[in-house]
Amino acid sequence: QFAETGGGLVQPGGSLRLSCVASGFDFNMRSMAWDRQTPGSERELIAGITNRDEVKYADSVSGRFTISRDNVRNTAYLQMNNLKPWDPSVYYCNMSPPSASWGQGTRVTVSA
């Protein structure tokens, strides 16, 4: 189970911090990832973090987004800075490789 929160409306150049509370598996042992999807498009993997805190980013977000995790709270985070007009989407978290169960996601809107 994944519960994503933290989305909202932000101006271009602004920041948001997304949170994902995970349950039902051993969070400490699994890599986690953030994906995003806009209607009519494929889901895009944008950031991943291993259980050893090794991170990787898609080119589209590298240098602007930061993934992190709190193994005590079973929570993954995505700090998004300098949001661009092409970043609006519904953002999802999952383990990596992903399970078949996805959360509801959290919507990010970027508008002046």
C-alpha atoms as a PDB file:
ATOM      1  CA  GLN A   1       0.000   0.000   0.000  1.00  0.00           C
ATOM      2  CA  PHE A   2       1.182   3.473  -0.877  1.00  0.00           C
ATOM      3  CA  ALA A   3      -0.326   6.784   0.220  1.00  0.00           C
ATOM      4  CA  GLU A   4       1.047   9.808  -1.612  1.00  0.00           C
ATOM      5  CA  THR A   5       0.475  13.345  -0.373  1.00  0.00           C
ATOM      6  CA  GLY A   6       1.895  16.811  -0.820  1.00  0.00           C
ATOM      7  CA  GLY A   7       0.787  17.756  -4.303  1.00  0.00           C
ATOM      8  CA  GLY A   8      -0.844  21.054  -5.141  1.00  0.00           C
ATOM      9  CA  LEU A   9      -0.691  24.190  -7.220  1.00  0.00           C
ATOM     10  CA  VAL A  10       2.597  26.020  -7.473  1.00  0.00           C
ATOM     11  CA  GLN A  11       3.995  28.765  -9.664  1.00  0.00           C
ATOM     12  CA  PRO A  12       6.800  28.043 -12.139  1.00  0.00           C
ATOM     13  CA  GLY A  13      10.080  27.986 -10.249  1.00  0.00           C
ATOM     14  CA  GLY A  14       8.356  26.996  -7.040  1.00  0.00           C
ATOM     15  CA  SER A  15       8.841  23.957  -4.830  1.00  0.00           C
ATOM     16  CA  LEU A  16       6.828  21.114  -3.386  1.00  0.00           C
ATOM     17  CA  ARG A  17       7.664  18.171  -1.174  1.00  0.00           C
ATOM     18  CA  LEU A  18       5.817  14.935  -1.791  1.00  0.00           C
ATOM     19  CA  SER A  19       5.507  12.180   0.804  1.00  0.00           C
ATOM     20  CA  CYS A  20       4.667   8.508   0.394  1.00  0.00           C
ATOM     21  CA  VAL A  21       3.790   6.363   3.376  1.00  0.00           C
ATOM     22  CA  ALA A  22       4.268   2.689   2.539  1.00  0.00           C
ATOM     23  CA  SER A  23       2.886  -0.354   4.310  1.00  0.00           C
ATOM     24  CA  GLY A  24       2.485  -4.094   3.864  1.00  0.00           C
ATOM     25  CA  PHE A  25       6.085  -4.967   3.165  1.00  0.00           C
ATOM     26  CA  ASP A  26       9.531  -4.637   4.698  1.00  0.00           C
ATOM     27  CA  PHE A  27      10.240  -1.046   3.694  1.00  0.00           C
ATOM     28  CA  ASN A  28      13.813  -1.116   4.952  1.00  0.00           C
ATOM     29  CA  MET A  29      14.744  -3.879   2.520  1.00  0.00           C
ATOM     30  CA  ARG A  30      13.265  -2.473  -0.657  1.00  0.00           C
ATOM     31  CA  SER A  31      14.275   0.145  -3.165  1.00  0.00           C
ATOM     32  CA  MET A  32      11.662   2.840  -3.730  1.00  0.00           C
ATOM     33  CA  ALA A  33      10.820   4.988  -6.723  1.00  0.00           C
ATOM     34  CA  TRP A  34       8.693   7.902  -7.818  1.00  0.00           C
ATOM     35  CA  ASP A  35       6.866   7.872 -11.133  1.00  0.00           C
ATOM     36  CA  ARG A  36       4.598  10.392 -12.782  1.00  0.00           C
ATOM     37  CA  GLN A  37       1.892  10.105 -15.362  1.00  0.00           C
ATOM     38  CA  THR A  38      -0.171  12.577 -17.337  1.00  0.00           C
ATOM     39  CA  PRO A  39      -3.423  11.542 -19.064  1.00  0.00           C
ATOM     40  CA  GLY A  40      -2.769   9.801 -22.350  1.00  0.00           C
ATOM     41  CA  SER A  41       0.925   9.299 -21.612  1.00  0.00           C
ATOM     42  CA  GLU A  42       3.037   6.438 -20.369  1.00  0.00           C
ATOM     43  CA  ARG A  43       4.028   6.377 -16.742  1.00  0.00           C
ATOM     44  CA  GLU A  44       7.521   7.879 -16.396  1.00  0.00           C
ATOM     45  CA  LEU A  45      10.024   6.687 -13.810  1.00  0.00           C
ATOM     46  CA  ILE A  46      11.712   9.828 -12.504  1.00  0.00           C
ATOM     47  CA  ALA A  47      13.615   8.937  -9.335  1.00  0.00           C
ATOM     48  CA  GLY A  48      14.758   5.890  -7.406  1.00  0.00           C
ATOM     49  CA  ILE A  49      16.496   5.178  -4.118  1.00  0.00           C
ATOM     50  CA  THR A  50      17.928   1.891  -2.917  1.00  0.00           C
ATOM     51  CA  ASN A  51      17.820   0.632   0.642  1.00  0.00           C
ATOM     52  CA  ARG A  52      21.416   1.884   0.868  1.00  0.00           C
ATOM     53  CA  ASP A  53      20.358   5.415  -0.151  1.00  0.00           C
ATOM     54  CA  GLU A  54      21.866   5.189  -3.630  1.00  0.00           C
ATOM     55  CA  VAL A  55      19.844   7.483  -5.859  1.00  0.00           C
ATOM     56  CA  LYS A  56      19.159   7.834  -9.558  1.00  0.00           C
ATOM     57  CA  TYR A  57      17.164  10.370 -11.562  1.00  0.00           C
ATOM     58  CA  ALA A  58      15.665  10.757 -14.980  1.00  0.00           C
ATOM     59  CA  ASP A  59      17.298  13.457 -17.074  1.00  0.00           C
ATOM     60  CA  SER A  60      14.050  15.445 -16.998  1.00  0.00           C
ATOM     61  CA  VAL A  61      14.330  16.031 -13.230  1.00  0.00           C
ATOM     62  CA  SER A  62      18.035  15.638 -12.461  1.00  0.00           C
ATOM     63  CA  GLY A  63      19.402  18.613 -10.543  1.00  0.00           C
ATOM     64  CA  ARG A  64      15.922  19.804  -9.529  1.00  0.00           C
ATOM     65  CA  PHE A  65      14.336  16.869  -7.668  1.00  0.00           C
ATOM     66  CA  THR A  66      15.704  14.977  -4.680  1.00  0.00           C
ATOM     67  CA  ILE A  67      14.465  11.582  -3.505  1.00  0.00           C
ATOM     68  CA  SER A  68      14.981  10.488   0.079  1.00  0.00           C
ATOM     69  CA  ARG A  69      13.584   8.011   2.565  1.00  0.00           C
ATOM     70  CA  ASP A  70      12.923   7.595   6.275  1.00  0.00           C
ATOM     71  CA  ASN A  71      13.078   3.926   7.221  1.00  0.00           C
ATOM     72  CA  VAL A  72      11.677   4.591  10.704  1.00  0.00           C
ATOM     73  CA  ARG A  73       8.525   6.187   9.283  1.00  0.00           C
ATOM     74  CA  ASN A  74       8.304   3.892   6.222  1.00  0.00           C
ATOM     75  CA  THR A  75       8.139   7.029   4.126  1.00  0.00           C
ATOM     76  CA  ALA A  76       9.701   8.106   0.850  1.00  0.00           C
ATOM     77  CA  TYR A  77       9.959  11.752  -0.118  1.00  0.00           C
ATOM     78  CA  LEU A  78      10.388  13.722  -3.295  1.00  0.00           C
ATOM     79  CA  GLN A  79      11.610  17.283  -2.930  1.00  0.00           C
ATOM     80  CA  MET A  80      10.806  19.141  -6.133  1.00  0.00           C
ATOM     81  CA  ASN A  81      12.482  22.486  -6.754  1.00  0.00           C
ATOM     82  CA  ASN A  82      12.389  24.867  -9.699  1.00  0.00           C
ATOM     83  CA  LEU A  83       9.212  23.301 -11.047  1.00  0.00           C
ATOM     84  CA  LYS A  84       8.772  23.659 -14.788  1.00  0.00           C
ATOM     85  CA  PRO A  85       5.657  23.963 -16.951  1.00  0.00           C
ATOM     86  CA  TRP A  86       6.167  20.351 -18.106  1.00  0.00           C
ATOM     87  CA  ASP A  87       6.236  18.931 -14.573  1.00  0.00           C
ATOM     88  CA  PRO A  88       2.468  18.901 -13.911  1.00  0.00           C
ATOM     89  CA  SER A  89       1.323  15.334 -13.508  1.00  0.00           C
ATOM     90  CA  VAL A  90       0.032  12.811 -11.041  1.00  0.00           C
ATOM     91  CA  TYR A  91       2.953  11.533  -8.998  1.00  0.00           C
ATOM     92  CA  TYR A  92       3.073   7.998  -7.654  1.00  0.00           C
ATOM     93  CA  CYS A  93       5.465   6.051  -5.485  1.00  0.00           C
ATOM     94  CA  ASN A  94       6.071   2.332  -5.440  1.00  0.00           C
ATOM     95  CA  MET A  95       8.778  -0.093  -4.566  1.00  0.00           C
ATOM     96  CA  SER A  96      11.365  -0.807  -7.229  1.00  0.00           C
ATOM     97  CA  PRO A  97      10.771  -2.971  -9.190  1.00  0.00           C
ATOM     98  CA  PRO A  98       7.145  -1.914  -8.758  1.00  0.00           C
ATOM     99  CA  SER A  99       4.444  -4.005  -7.194  1.00  0.00           C
ATOM    100  CA  ALA A 100       1.106  -4.438  -8.965  1.00  0.00           C
ATOM    101  CA  SER A 101      -0.574  -2.236  -6.354  1.00  0.00           C
ATOM    102  CA  TRP A 102      -0.379   1.501  -6.942  1.00  0.00           C
ATOM    103  CA  GLY A 103      -1.673   4.279  -4.735  1.00  0.00           C
ATOM    104  CA  GLN A 104      -3.979   7.104  -5.761  1.00  0.00           C
ATOM    105  CA  GLY A 105      -1.088   9.413  -6.483  1.00  0.00           C
ATOM    106  CA  THR A 106      -0.882  13.115  -5.748  1.00  0.00           C
ATOM    107  CA  ARG A 107      -1.492  15.788  -8.365  1.00  0.00           C
ATOM    108  CA  VAL A 108       1.007  18.540  -9.085  1.00  0.00           C
ATOM    109  CA  THR A 109      -0.080  21.590 -11.040  1.00  0.00           C
ATOM    110  CA  VAL A 110       2.308  24.309 -12.188  1.00  0.00           C
ATOM    111  CA  SER A 111       0.702  27.549 -13.232  1.00  0.00           C
ATOM    112  CA  ALA A 112       1.322  31.250 -12.984  1.00  0.00           C
END
